[in-house]
């Protein structure tokens, strides 16, 4: 996915490439906070952490059920403007995409 979206999101990295593939959510959260990253997830856990801990990091929560990698790619492409707007909005910590 990172390679497929490199034209729009060139600094994206996957948790696996950071050695965080099997890490607890807190470790991923802390990495994202310390490195000014967004977390893109299909898991509600990060949205819940955001409610408790605040942001950063900001969370992009993909709320689509089982779907293909291509479908997720299209969701993120279509939401590019919304994601960029979220970057500059200091009141939004979670963006839900369907």
PDB file of N, CA and C in Angstrom:
ATOM      1  N   UNK A   1       0.818  -1.190   0.000  1.00  0.00           N
ATOM      2  CA  UNK A   1       0.000   0.000   0.000  1.00  0.00           C
ATOM      3  C   UNK A   1       0.866   1.260   0.000  1.00  0.00           C
ATOM      4  N   UNK A   2       1.930   1.253   0.779  1.00  0.00           N
ATOM      5  CA  UNK A   2       2.805   2.422   0.854  1.00  0.00           C
ATOM      6  C   UNK A   2       3.339   2.768  -0.526  1.00  0.00           C
ATOM      7  N   UNK A   3       3.794   1.776  -1.269  1.00  0.00           N
ATOM      8  CA  UNK A   3       4.326   2.025  -2.613  1.00  0.00           C
ATOM      9  C   UNK A   3       3.237   2.503  -3.564  1.00  0.00           C
ATOM     10  N   UNK A   4       2.041   1.952  -3.438  1.00  0.00           N
ATOM     11  CA  UNK A   4       0.949   2.314  -4.332  1.00  0.00           C
ATOM     12  C   UNK A   4       0.497   3.755  -4.129  1.00  0.00           C
ATOM     13  N   UNK A   5       0.703   4.288  -2.938  1.00  0.00           N
ATOM     14  CA  UNK A   5       0.249   5.650  -2.631  1.00  0.00           C
ATOM     15  C   UNK A   5       1.397   6.660  -2.527  1.00  0.00           C
ATOM     16  N   UNK A   6       2.590   6.252  -2.928  1.00  0.00           N
ATOM     17  CA  UNK A   6       3.759   7.111  -2.781  1.00  0.00           C
ATOM     18  C   UNK A   6       3.637   8.429  -3.547  1.00  0.00           C
ATOM     19  N   UNK A   7       2.858   8.459  -4.611  1.00  0.00           N
ATOM     20  CA  UNK A   7       2.702   9.703  -5.364  1.00  0.00           C
ATOM     21  C   UNK A   7       1.952  10.768  -4.567  1.00  0.00           C
ATOM     22  N   UNK A   8       1.012  10.361  -3.700  1.00  0.00           N
ATOM     23  CA  UNK A   8       0.254  11.307  -2.882  1.00  0.00           C
ATOM     24  C   UNK A   8       0.810  11.452  -1.469  1.00  0.00           C
ATOM     25  N   UNK A   9       1.284  10.358  -0.929  1.00  0.00           N
ATOM     26  CA  UNK A   9       1.748  10.332   0.470  1.00  0.00           C
ATOM     27  C   UNK A   9       3.187   9.794   0.500  1.00  0.00           C
ATOM     28  N   UNK A  10       4.145  10.584   0.018  1.00  0.00           N
ATOM     29  CA  UNK A  10       5.516  10.068  -0.178  1.00  0.00           C
ATOM     30  C   UNK A  10       6.268   9.693   1.089  1.00  0.00           C
ATOM     31  N   UNK A  11       5.916  10.220   2.241  1.00  0.00           N
ATOM     32  CA  UNK A  11       6.658   9.856   3.457  1.00  0.00           C
ATOM     33  C   UNK A  11       6.001   8.758   4.267  1.00  0.00           C
ATOM     34  N   UNK A  12       5.034   8.089   3.678  1.00  0.00           N
ATOM     35  CA  UNK A  12       4.338   7.012   4.396  1.00  0.00           C
ATOM     36  C   UNK A  12       5.256   5.825   4.637  1.00  0.00           C
ATOM     37  N   UNK A  13       5.036   5.185   5.778  1.00  0.00           N
ATOM     38  CA  UNK A  13       5.759   3.954   6.110  1.00  0.00           C
ATOM     39  C   UNK A  13       4.763   2.985   6.735  1.00  0.00           C
ATOM     40  N   UNK A  14       5.060   1.724   6.582  1.00  0.00           N
ATOM     41  CA  UNK A  14       4.226   0.685   7.185  1.00  0.00           C
ATOM     42  C   UNK A  14       4.855   0.287   8.517  1.00  0.00           C
ATOM     43  N   UNK A  15       4.020  -0.060   9.479  1.00  0.00           N
ATOM     44  CA  UNK A  15       4.546  -0.446  10.796  1.00  0.00           C
ATOM     45  C   UNK A  15       5.544  -1.592  10.693  1.00  0.00           C
ATOM     46  N   UNK A  16       5.343  -2.496   9.740  1.00  0.00           N
ATOM     47  CA  UNK A  16       6.285  -3.615   9.568  1.00  0.00           C
ATOM     48  C   UNK A  16       7.695  -3.112   9.284  1.00  0.00           C
ATOM     49  N   UNK A  17       7.820  -2.104   8.433  1.00  0.00           N
ATOM     50  CA  UNK A  17       9.148  -1.605   8.072  1.00  0.00           C
ATOM     51  C   UNK A  17       9.813  -0.852   9.221  1.00  0.00           C
ATOM     52  N   UNK A  18       9.038  -0.504  10.229  1.00  0.00           N
ATOM     53  CA  UNK A  18       9.576   0.167  11.412  1.00  0.00           C
ATOM     54  C   UNK A  18       9.886  -0.809  12.542  1.00  0.00           C
ATOM     55  N   UNK A  19       9.615  -2.095  12.289  1.00  0.00           N
ATOM     56  CA  UNK A  19       9.807  -3.092  13.334  1.00  0.00           C
ATOM     57  C   UNK A  19       8.681  -3.092  14.362  1.00  0.00           C
ATOM     58  N   UNK A  20       7.534  -2.505  13.994  1.00  0.00           N
ATOM     59  CA  UNK A  20       6.409  -2.395  14.919  1.00  0.00           C
ATOM     60  C   UNK A  20       5.216  -3.260  14.495  1.00  0.00           C
ATOM     61  N   UNK A  21       5.459  -4.198  13.598  1.00  0.00           N
ATOM     62  CA  UNK A  21       4.373  -5.024  13.079  1.00  0.00           C
ATOM     63  C   UNK A  21       3.621  -5.811  14.128  1.00  0.00           C
ATOM     64  N   UNK A  22       4.315  -6.224  15.160  1.00  0.00           N
ATOM     65  CA  UNK A  22       3.659  -6.995  16.229  1.00  0.00           C
ATOM     66  C   UNK A  22       3.609  -6.203  17.543  1.00  0.00           C
ATOM     67  N   UNK A  23       3.913  -4.926  17.452  1.00  0.00           N
ATOM     68  CA  UNK A  23       3.951  -4.086  18.655  1.00  0.00           C
ATOM     69  C   UNK A  23       2.548  -3.807  19.173  1.00  0.00           C
ATOM     70  N   UNK A  24       2.469  -3.499  20.443  1.00  0.00           N
ATOM     71  CA  UNK A  24       1.208  -3.086  21.043  1.00  0.00           C
ATOM     72  C   UNK A  24       0.807  -1.718  20.488  1.00  0.00           C
ATOM     73  N   UNK A  25      -0.487  -1.448  20.543  1.00  0.00           N
ATOM     74  CA  UNK A  25      -0.998  -0.174  20.023  1.00  0.00           C
ATOM     75  C   UNK A  25      -0.289   1.018  20.652  1.00  0.00           C
ATOM     76  N   UNK A  26       0.019   0.942  21.930  1.00  0.00           N
ATOM     77  CA  UNK A  26       0.697   2.058  22.611  1.00  0.00           C
ATOM     78  C   UNK A  26       2.042   2.375  21.971  1.00  0.00           C
ATOM     79  N   UNK A  27       2.774   1.357  21.564  1.00  0.00           N
ATOM     80  CA  UNK A  27       4.079   1.575  20.941  1.00  0.00           C
ATOM     81  C   UNK A  27       3.919   2.266  19.589  1.00  0.00           C
ATOM     82  N   UNK A  28       2.927   1.835  18.817  1.00  0.00           N
ATOM     83  CA  UNK A  28       2.664   2.469  17.521  1.00  0.00           C
ATOM     84  C   UNK A  28       2.228   3.913  17.748  1.00  0.00           C
ATOM     85  N   UNK A  29       1.339   4.114  18.711  1.00  0.00           N
ATOM     86  CA  UNK A  29       0.858   5.461  19.044  1.00  0.00           C
ATOM     87  C   UNK A  29       2.021   6.382  19.424  1.00  0.00           C
ATOM     88  N   UNK A  30       2.886   5.896  20.298  1.00  0.00           N
ATOM     89  CA  UNK A  30       4.021   6.711  20.748  1.00  0.00           C
ATOM     90  C   UNK A  30       4.975   7.025  19.607  1.00  0.00           C
ATOM     91  N   UNK A  31       5.222   6.042  18.737  1.00  0.00           N
ATOM     92  CA  UNK A  31       6.087   6.304  17.576  1.00  0.00           C
ATOM     93  C   UNK A  31       5.473   7.402  16.715  1.00  0.00           C
ATOM     94  N   UNK A  32       4.179   7.273  16.428  1.00  0.00           N
ATOM     95  CA  UNK A  32       3.503   8.263  15.582  1.00  0.00           C
ATOM     96  C   UNK A  32       3.531   9.645  16.233  1.00  0.00           C
ATOM     97  N   UNK A  33       3.324   9.695  17.521  1.00  0.00           N
ATOM     98  CA  UNK A  33       3.346  10.985  18.241  1.00  0.00           C
ATOM     99  C   UNK A  33       4.731  11.618  18.163  1.00  0.00           C
ATOM    100  N   UNK A  34       5.760  10.832  18.398  1.00  0.00           N
ATOM    101  CA  UNK A  34       7.132  11.363  18.418  1.00  0.00           C
ATOM    102  C   UNK A  34       7.636  11.743  17.034  1.00  0.00           C
ATOM    103  N   UNK A  35       7.044  11.152  15.990  1.00  0.00           N
ATOM    104  CA  UNK A  35       7.545  11.378  14.637  1.00  0.00           C
ATOM    105  C   UNK A  35       6.557  12.114  13.739  1.00  0.00           C
ATOM    106  N   UNK A  36       5.554  12.741  14.348  1.00  0.00           N
ATOM    107  CA  UNK A  36       4.576  13.557  13.633  1.00  0.00           C
ATOM    108  C   UNK A  36       3.936  12.799  12.471  1.00  0.00           C
ATOM    109  N   UNK A  37       3.479  11.586  12.762  1.00  0.00           N
ATOM    110  CA  UNK A  37       2.839  10.737  11.759  1.00  0.00           C
ATOM    111  C   UNK A  37       1.332  10.687  11.975  1.00  0.00           C
ATOM    112  N   UNK A  38       0.625  10.415  10.927  1.00  0.00           N
ATOM    113  CA  UNK A  38      -0.778  10.031  11.029  1.00  0.00           C
ATOM    114  C   UNK A  38      -0.804   8.514  11.171  1.00  0.00           C
ATOM    115  N   UNK A  39      -1.841   7.991  11.791  1.00  0.00           N
ATOM    116  CA  UNK A  39      -2.049   6.544  11.836  1.00  0.00           C
ATOM    117  C   UNK A  39      -3.240   6.250  10.931  1.00  0.00           C
ATOM    118  N   UNK A  40      -3.031   5.390   9.954  1.00  0.00           N
ATOM    119  CA  UNK A  40      -4.108   4.949   9.069  1.00  0.00           C
ATOM    120  C   UNK A  40      -4.450   3.530   9.478  1.00  0.00           C
ATOM    121  N   UNK A  41      -5.719   3.301   9.795  1.00  0.00           N
ATOM    122  CA  UNK A  41      -6.103   2.012  10.363  1.00  0.00           C
ATOM    123  C   UNK A  41      -7.532   1.649  10.013  1.00  0.00           C
ATOM    124  N   UNK A  42      -7.821   0.371  10.071  1.00  0.00           N
ATOM    125  CA  UNK A  42      -9.195  -0.114   9.987  1.00  0.00           C
ATOM    126  C   UNK A  42      -9.692  -0.532  11.371  1.00  0.00           C
ATOM    127  N   UNK A  43      -8.862  -0.335  12.367  1.00  0.00           N
ATOM    128  CA  UNK A  43      -9.122  -0.782  13.728  1.00  0.00           C
ATOM    129  C   UNK A  43      -9.645   0.372  14.576  1.00  0.00           C
ATOM    130  N   UNK A  44     -10.697   0.148  15.333  1.00  0.00           N
ATOM    131  CA  UNK A  44     -11.287   1.179  16.195  1.00  0.00           C
ATOM    132  C   UNK A  44     -10.376   1.558  17.362  1.00  0.00           C
ATOM    133  N   UNK A  45      -9.413   0.719  17.697  1.00  0.00           N
ATOM    134  CA  UNK A  45      -8.580   0.955  18.880  1.00  0.00           C
ATOM    135  C   UNK A  45      -7.901   2.326  18.859  1.00  0.00           C
ATOM    136  N   UNK A  46      -7.363   2.730  17.717  1.00  0.00           N
ATOM    137  CA  UNK A  46      -6.631   3.997  17.664  1.00  0.00           C
ATOM    138  C   UNK A  46      -7.568   5.188  17.800  1.00  0.00           C
ATOM    139  N   UNK A  47      -8.768   5.063  17.304  1.00  0.00           N
ATOM    140  CA  UNK A  47      -9.758   6.116  17.496  1.00  0.00           C
ATOM    141  C   UNK A  47     -10.088   6.263  18.978  1.00  0.00           C
ATOM    142  N   UNK A  48     -10.209   5.141  19.660  1.00  0.00           N
ATOM    143  CA  UNK A  48     -10.496   5.154  21.097  1.00  0.00           C
ATOM    144  C   UNK A  48      -9.335   5.739  21.890  1.00  0.00           C
ATOM    145  N   UNK A  49      -8.118   5.391  21.507  1.00  0.00           N
ATOM    146  CA  UNK A  49      -6.940   5.958  22.178  1.00  0.00           C
ATOM    147  C   UNK A  49      -6.931   7.475  21.991  1.00  0.00           C
ATOM    148  N   UNK A  50      -7.284   7.917  20.797  1.00  0.00           N
ATOM    149  CA  UNK A  50      -7.308   9.350  20.520  1.00  0.00           C
ATOM    150  C   UNK A  50      -8.295  10.078  21.422  1.00  0.00           C
ATOM    151  N   UNK A  51      -9.437   9.446  21.675  1.00  0.00           N
ATOM    152  CA  UNK A  51     -10.425  10.058  22.575  1.00  0.00           C
ATOM    153  C   UNK A  51      -9.878  10.209  23.988  1.00  0.00           C
ATOM    154  N   UNK A  52      -9.082   9.247  24.417  1.00  0.00           N
ATOM    155  CA  UNK A  52      -8.526   9.267  25.770  1.00  0.00           C
ATOM    156  C   UNK A  52      -7.264  10.123  25.892  1.00  0.00           C
ATOM    157  N   UNK A  53      -6.384   9.999  24.910  1.00  0.00           N
ATOM    158  CA  UNK A  53      -5.066  10.631  25.009  1.00  0.00           C
ATOM    159  C   UNK A  53      -4.965  11.946  24.246  1.00  0.00           C
ATOM    160  N   UNK A  54      -5.942  12.231  23.390  1.00  0.00           N
ATOM    161  CA  UNK A  54      -5.839  13.417  22.557  1.00  0.00           C
ATOM    162  C   UNK A  54      -4.922  13.182  21.378  1.00  0.00           C
ATOM    163  N   UNK A  55      -4.640  14.232  20.666  1.00  0.00           N
ATOM    164  CA  UNK A  55      -3.768  14.110  19.496  1.00  0.00           C
ATOM    165  C   UNK A  55      -2.785  15.260  19.511  1.00  0.00           C
ATOM    166  N   UNK A  56      -1.640  15.139  18.881  1.00  0.00           N
ATOM    167  CA  UNK A  56      -1.272  14.100  17.930  1.00  0.00           C
ATOM    168  C   UNK A  56      -0.988  12.760  18.597  1.00  0.00           C
ATOM    169  N   UNK A  57      -0.911  11.731  17.781  1.00  0.00           N
ATOM    170  CA  UNK A  57      -1.066  11.700  16.334  1.00  0.00           C
ATOM    171  C   UNK A  57      -2.529  11.751  15.921  1.00  0.00           C
ATOM    172  N   UNK A  58      -2.720  12.131  14.692  1.00  0.00           N
ATOM    173  CA  UNK A  58      -4.062  12.113  14.123  1.00  0.00           C
ATOM    174  C   UNK A  58      -4.309  10.736  13.521  1.00  0.00           C
ATOM    175  N   UNK A  59      -5.583  10.353  13.486  1.00  0.00           N
ATOM    176  CA  UNK A  59      -5.956   9.009  13.051  1.00  0.00           C
ATOM    177  C   UNK A  59      -6.877   9.095  11.847  1.00  0.00           C
ATOM    178  N   UNK A  60      -6.567   8.329  10.833  1.00  0.00           N
ATOM    179  CA  UNK A  60      -7.454   8.140   9.688  1.00  0.00           C
ATOM    180  C   UNK A  60      -8.016   6.740   9.844  1.00  0.00           C
ATOM    181  N   UNK A  61      -9.288   6.677  10.132  1.00  0.00           N
ATOM    182  CA  UNK A  61      -9.962   5.423  10.446  1.00  0.00           C
ATOM    183  C   UNK A  61     -10.810   5.010   9.248  1.00  0.00           C
ATOM    184  N   UNK A  62     -10.399   3.955   8.583  1.00  0.00           N
ATOM    185  CA  UNK A  62     -11.130   3.437   7.422  1.00  0.00           C
ATOM    186  C   UNK A  62     -12.217   2.511   7.941  1.00  0.00           C
ATOM    187  N   UNK A  63     -13.463   2.921   7.741  1.00  0.00           N
ATOM    188  CA  UNK A  63     -14.610   2.226   8.316  1.00  0.00           C
ATOM    189  C   UNK A  63     -15.306   1.343   7.293  1.00  0.00           C
ATOM    190  N   UNK A  64     -14.569   0.745   6.409  1.00  0.00           N
ATOM    191  CA  UNK A  64     -15.149  -0.161   5.437  1.00  0.00           C
ATOM    192  C   UNK A  64     -14.854  -1.571   5.906  1.00  0.00           C
ATOM    193  N   UNK A  65     -15.811  -2.456   5.756  1.00  0.00           N
ATOM    194  CA  UNK A  65     -15.615  -3.852   6.148  1.00  0.00           C
ATOM    195  C   UNK A  65     -14.557  -4.508   5.286  1.00  0.00           C
ATOM    196  N   UNK A  66     -14.652  -5.799   5.157  1.00  0.00           N
ATOM    197  CA  UNK A  66     -13.695  -6.527   4.324  1.00  0.00           C
ATOM    198  C   UNK A  66     -13.701  -5.947   2.920  1.00  0.00           C
ATOM    199  N   UNK A  67     -12.523  -5.573   2.463  1.00  0.00           N
ATOM    200  CA  UNK A  67     -12.403  -5.020   1.115  1.00  0.00           C
ATOM    201  C   UNK A  67     -10.973  -5.234   0.633  1.00  0.00           C
ATOM    202  N   UNK A  68     -10.783  -5.011  -0.631  1.00  0.00           N
ATOM    203  CA  UNK A  68      -9.480  -5.246  -1.248  1.00  0.00           C
ATOM    204  C   UNK A  68      -8.512  -4.102  -0.952  1.00  0.00           C
ATOM    205  N   UNK A  69      -7.254  -4.374  -1.170  1.00  0.00           N
ATOM    206  CA  UNK A  69      -6.219  -3.351  -1.066  1.00  0.00           C
ATOM    207  C   UNK A  69      -6.508  -2.231  -2.055  1.00  0.00           C
ATOM    208  N   UNK A  70      -6.966  -2.589  -3.226  1.00  0.00           N
ATOM    209  CA  UNK A  70      -7.301  -1.590  -4.254  1.00  0.00           C
ATOM    210  C   UNK A  70      -8.421  -0.666  -3.759  1.00  0.00           C
ATOM    211  N   UNK A  71      -9.409  -1.212  -3.060  1.00  0.00           N
ATOM    212  CA  UNK A  71     -10.503  -0.390  -2.531  1.00  0.00           C
ATOM    213  C   UNK A  71      -9.975   0.596  -1.491  1.00  0.00           C
ATOM    214  N   UNK A  72      -9.091   0.148  -0.628  1.00  0.00           N
ATOM    215  CA  UNK A  72      -8.519   1.045   0.380  1.00  0.00           C
ATOM    216  C   UNK A  72      -7.675   2.116  -0.302  1.00  0.00           C
ATOM    217  N   UNK A  73      -6.922   1.720  -1.303  1.00  0.00           N
ATOM    218  CA  UNK A  73      -6.140   2.707  -2.057  1.00  0.00           C
ATOM    219  C   UNK A  73      -7.053   3.792  -2.624  1.00  0.00           C
ATOM    220  N   UNK A  74      -8.163   3.405  -3.210  1.00  0.00           N
ATOM    221  CA  UNK A  74      -9.090   4.378  -3.795  1.00  0.00           C
ATOM    222  C   UNK A  74      -9.701   5.281  -2.723  1.00  0.00           C
ATOM    223  N   UNK A  75     -10.024   4.716  -1.570  1.00  0.00           N
ATOM    224  CA  UNK A  75     -10.559   5.527  -0.464  1.00  0.00           C
ATOM    225  C   UNK A  75      -9.550   6.613  -0.085  1.00  0.00           C
ATOM    226  N   UNK A  76      -8.294   6.239   0.054  1.00  0.00           N
ATOM    227  CA  UNK A  76      -7.269   7.193   0.460  1.00  0.00           C
ATOM    228  C   UNK A  76      -6.961   8.203  -0.640  1.00  0.00           C
ATOM    229  N   UNK A  77      -7.037   7.788  -1.877  1.00  0.00           N
ATOM    230  CA  UNK A  77      -6.859   8.732  -2.989  1.00  0.00           C
ATOM    231  C   UNK A  77      -7.997   9.747  -3.028  1.00  0.00           C
ATOM    232  N   UNK A  78      -9.216   9.259  -2.908  1.00  0.00           N
ATOM    233  CA  UNK A  78     -10.380  10.143  -2.978  1.00  0.00           C
ATOM    234  C   UNK A  78     -10.446  11.102  -1.794  1.00  0.00           C
ATOM    235  N   UNK A  79      -9.855  10.718  -0.685  1.00  0.00           N
ATOM    236  CA  UNK A  79      -9.888  11.554   0.523  1.00  0.00           C
ATOM    237  C   UNK A  79      -8.670  12.463   0.662  1.00  0.00           C
ATOM    238  N   UNK A  80      -7.852  12.547  -0.351  1.00  0.00           N
ATOM    239  CA  UNK A  80      -6.611  13.318  -0.259  1.00  0.00           C
ATOM    240  C   UNK A  80      -6.851  14.744   0.243  1.00  0.00           C
ATOM    241  N   UNK A  81      -7.806  15.443  -0.331  1.00  0.00           N
ATOM    242  CA  UNK A  81      -8.068  16.835   0.074  1.00  0.00           C
ATOM    243  C   UNK A  81      -8.513  16.903   1.533  1.00  0.00           C
ATOM    244  N   UNK A  82      -9.352  15.976   1.950  1.00  0.00           N
ATOM    245  CA  UNK A  82      -9.816  15.950   3.343  1.00  0.00           C
ATOM    246  C   UNK A  82      -8.666  15.654   4.299  1.00  0.00           C
ATOM    247  N   UNK A  83      -7.786  14.773   3.898  1.00  0.00           N
ATOM    248  CA  UNK A  83      -6.633  14.421   4.740  1.00  0.00           C
ATOM    249  C   UNK A  83      -5.692  15.616   4.870  1.00  0.00           C
ATOM    250  N   UNK A  84      -5.471  16.327   3.771  1.00  0.00           N
ATOM    251  CA  UNK A  84      -4.612  17.511   3.831  1.00  0.00           C
ATOM    252  C   UNK A  84      -5.246  18.599   4.686  1.00  0.00           C
ATOM    253  N   UNK A  85      -6.560  18.775   4.581  1.00  0.00           N
ATOM    254  CA  UNK A  85      -7.255  19.767   5.402  1.00  0.00           C
ATOM    255  C   UNK A  85      -7.150  19.401   6.882  1.00  0.00           C
ATOM    256  N   UNK A  86      -7.240  18.105   7.172  1.00  0.00           N
ATOM    257  CA  UNK A  86      -7.133  17.643   8.559  1.00  0.00           C
ATOM    258  C   UNK A  86      -5.762  17.982   9.145  1.00  0.00           C
ATOM    259  N   UNK A  87      -4.743  17.896   8.319  1.00  0.00           N
ATOM    260  CA  UNK A  87      -3.377  18.184   8.771  1.00  0.00           C
ATOM    261  C   UNK A  87      -3.298  19.582   9.386  1.00  0.00           C
ATOM    262  N   UNK A  88      -4.023  20.531   8.819  1.00  0.00           N
ATOM    263  CA  UNK A  88      -3.952  21.918   9.269  1.00  0.00           C
ATOM    264  C   UNK A  88      -5.056  22.309  10.248  1.00  0.00           C
ATOM    265  N   UNK A  89      -5.925  21.377  10.585  1.00  0.00           N
ATOM    266  CA  UNK A  89      -7.039  21.668  11.488  1.00  0.00           C
ATOM    267  C   UNK A  89      -6.672  21.190  12.890  1.00  0.00           C
ATOM    268  N   UNK A  90      -6.570  22.108  13.800  1.00  0.00           N
ATOM    269  CA  UNK A  90      -6.126  21.771  15.155  1.00  0.00           C
ATOM    270  C   UNK A  90      -7.246  21.244  16.043  1.00  0.00           C
ATOM    271  N   UNK A  91      -8.437  21.125  15.491  1.00  0.00           N
ATOM    272  CA  UNK A  91      -9.577  20.635  16.275  1.00  0.00           C
ATOM    273  C   UNK A  91     -10.009  19.230  15.892  1.00  0.00           C
ATOM    274  N   UNK A  92      -9.460  18.686  14.815  1.00  0.00           N
ATOM    275  CA  UNK A  92      -9.848  17.355  14.347  1.00  0.00           C
ATOM    276  C   UNK A  92      -8.707  16.381  14.585  1.00  0.00           C
ATOM    277  N   UNK A  93      -9.009  15.301  15.305  1.00  0.00           N
ATOM    278  CA  UNK A  93      -8.005  14.283  15.579  1.00  0.00           C
ATOM    279  C   UNK A  93      -8.252  12.967  14.901  1.00  0.00           C
ATOM    280  N   UNK A  94      -9.508  12.734  14.487  1.00  0.00           N
ATOM    281  CA  UNK A  94      -9.856  11.482  13.822  1.00  0.00           C
ATOM    282  C   UNK A  94     -10.690  11.799  12.581  1.00  0.00           C
ATOM    283  N   UNK A  95     -10.292  11.231  11.467  1.00  0.00           N
ATOM    284  CA  UNK A  95     -11.042  11.352  10.222  1.00  0.00           C
ATOM    285  C   UNK A  95     -11.545   9.958   9.859  1.00  0.00           C
ATOM    286  N   UNK A  96     -12.855   9.810   9.782  1.00  0.00           N
ATOM    287  CA  UNK A  96     -13.441   8.526   9.418  1.00  0.00           C
ATOM    288  C   UNK A  96     -13.728   8.526   7.919  1.00  0.00           C
ATOM    289  N   UNK A  97     -13.273   7.482   7.257  1.00  0.00           N
ATOM    290  CA  UNK A  97     -13.505   7.318   5.829  1.00  0.00           C
ATOM    291  C   UNK A  97     -14.301   6.055   5.601  1.00  0.00           C
ATOM    292  N   UNK A  98     -15.298   6.144   4.732  1.00  0.00           N
ATOM    293  CA  UNK A  98     -16.175   4.998   4.459  1.00  0.00           C
ATOM    294  C   UNK A  98     -16.027   4.525   3.041  1.00  0.00           C
TER     295      UNK A  98
END
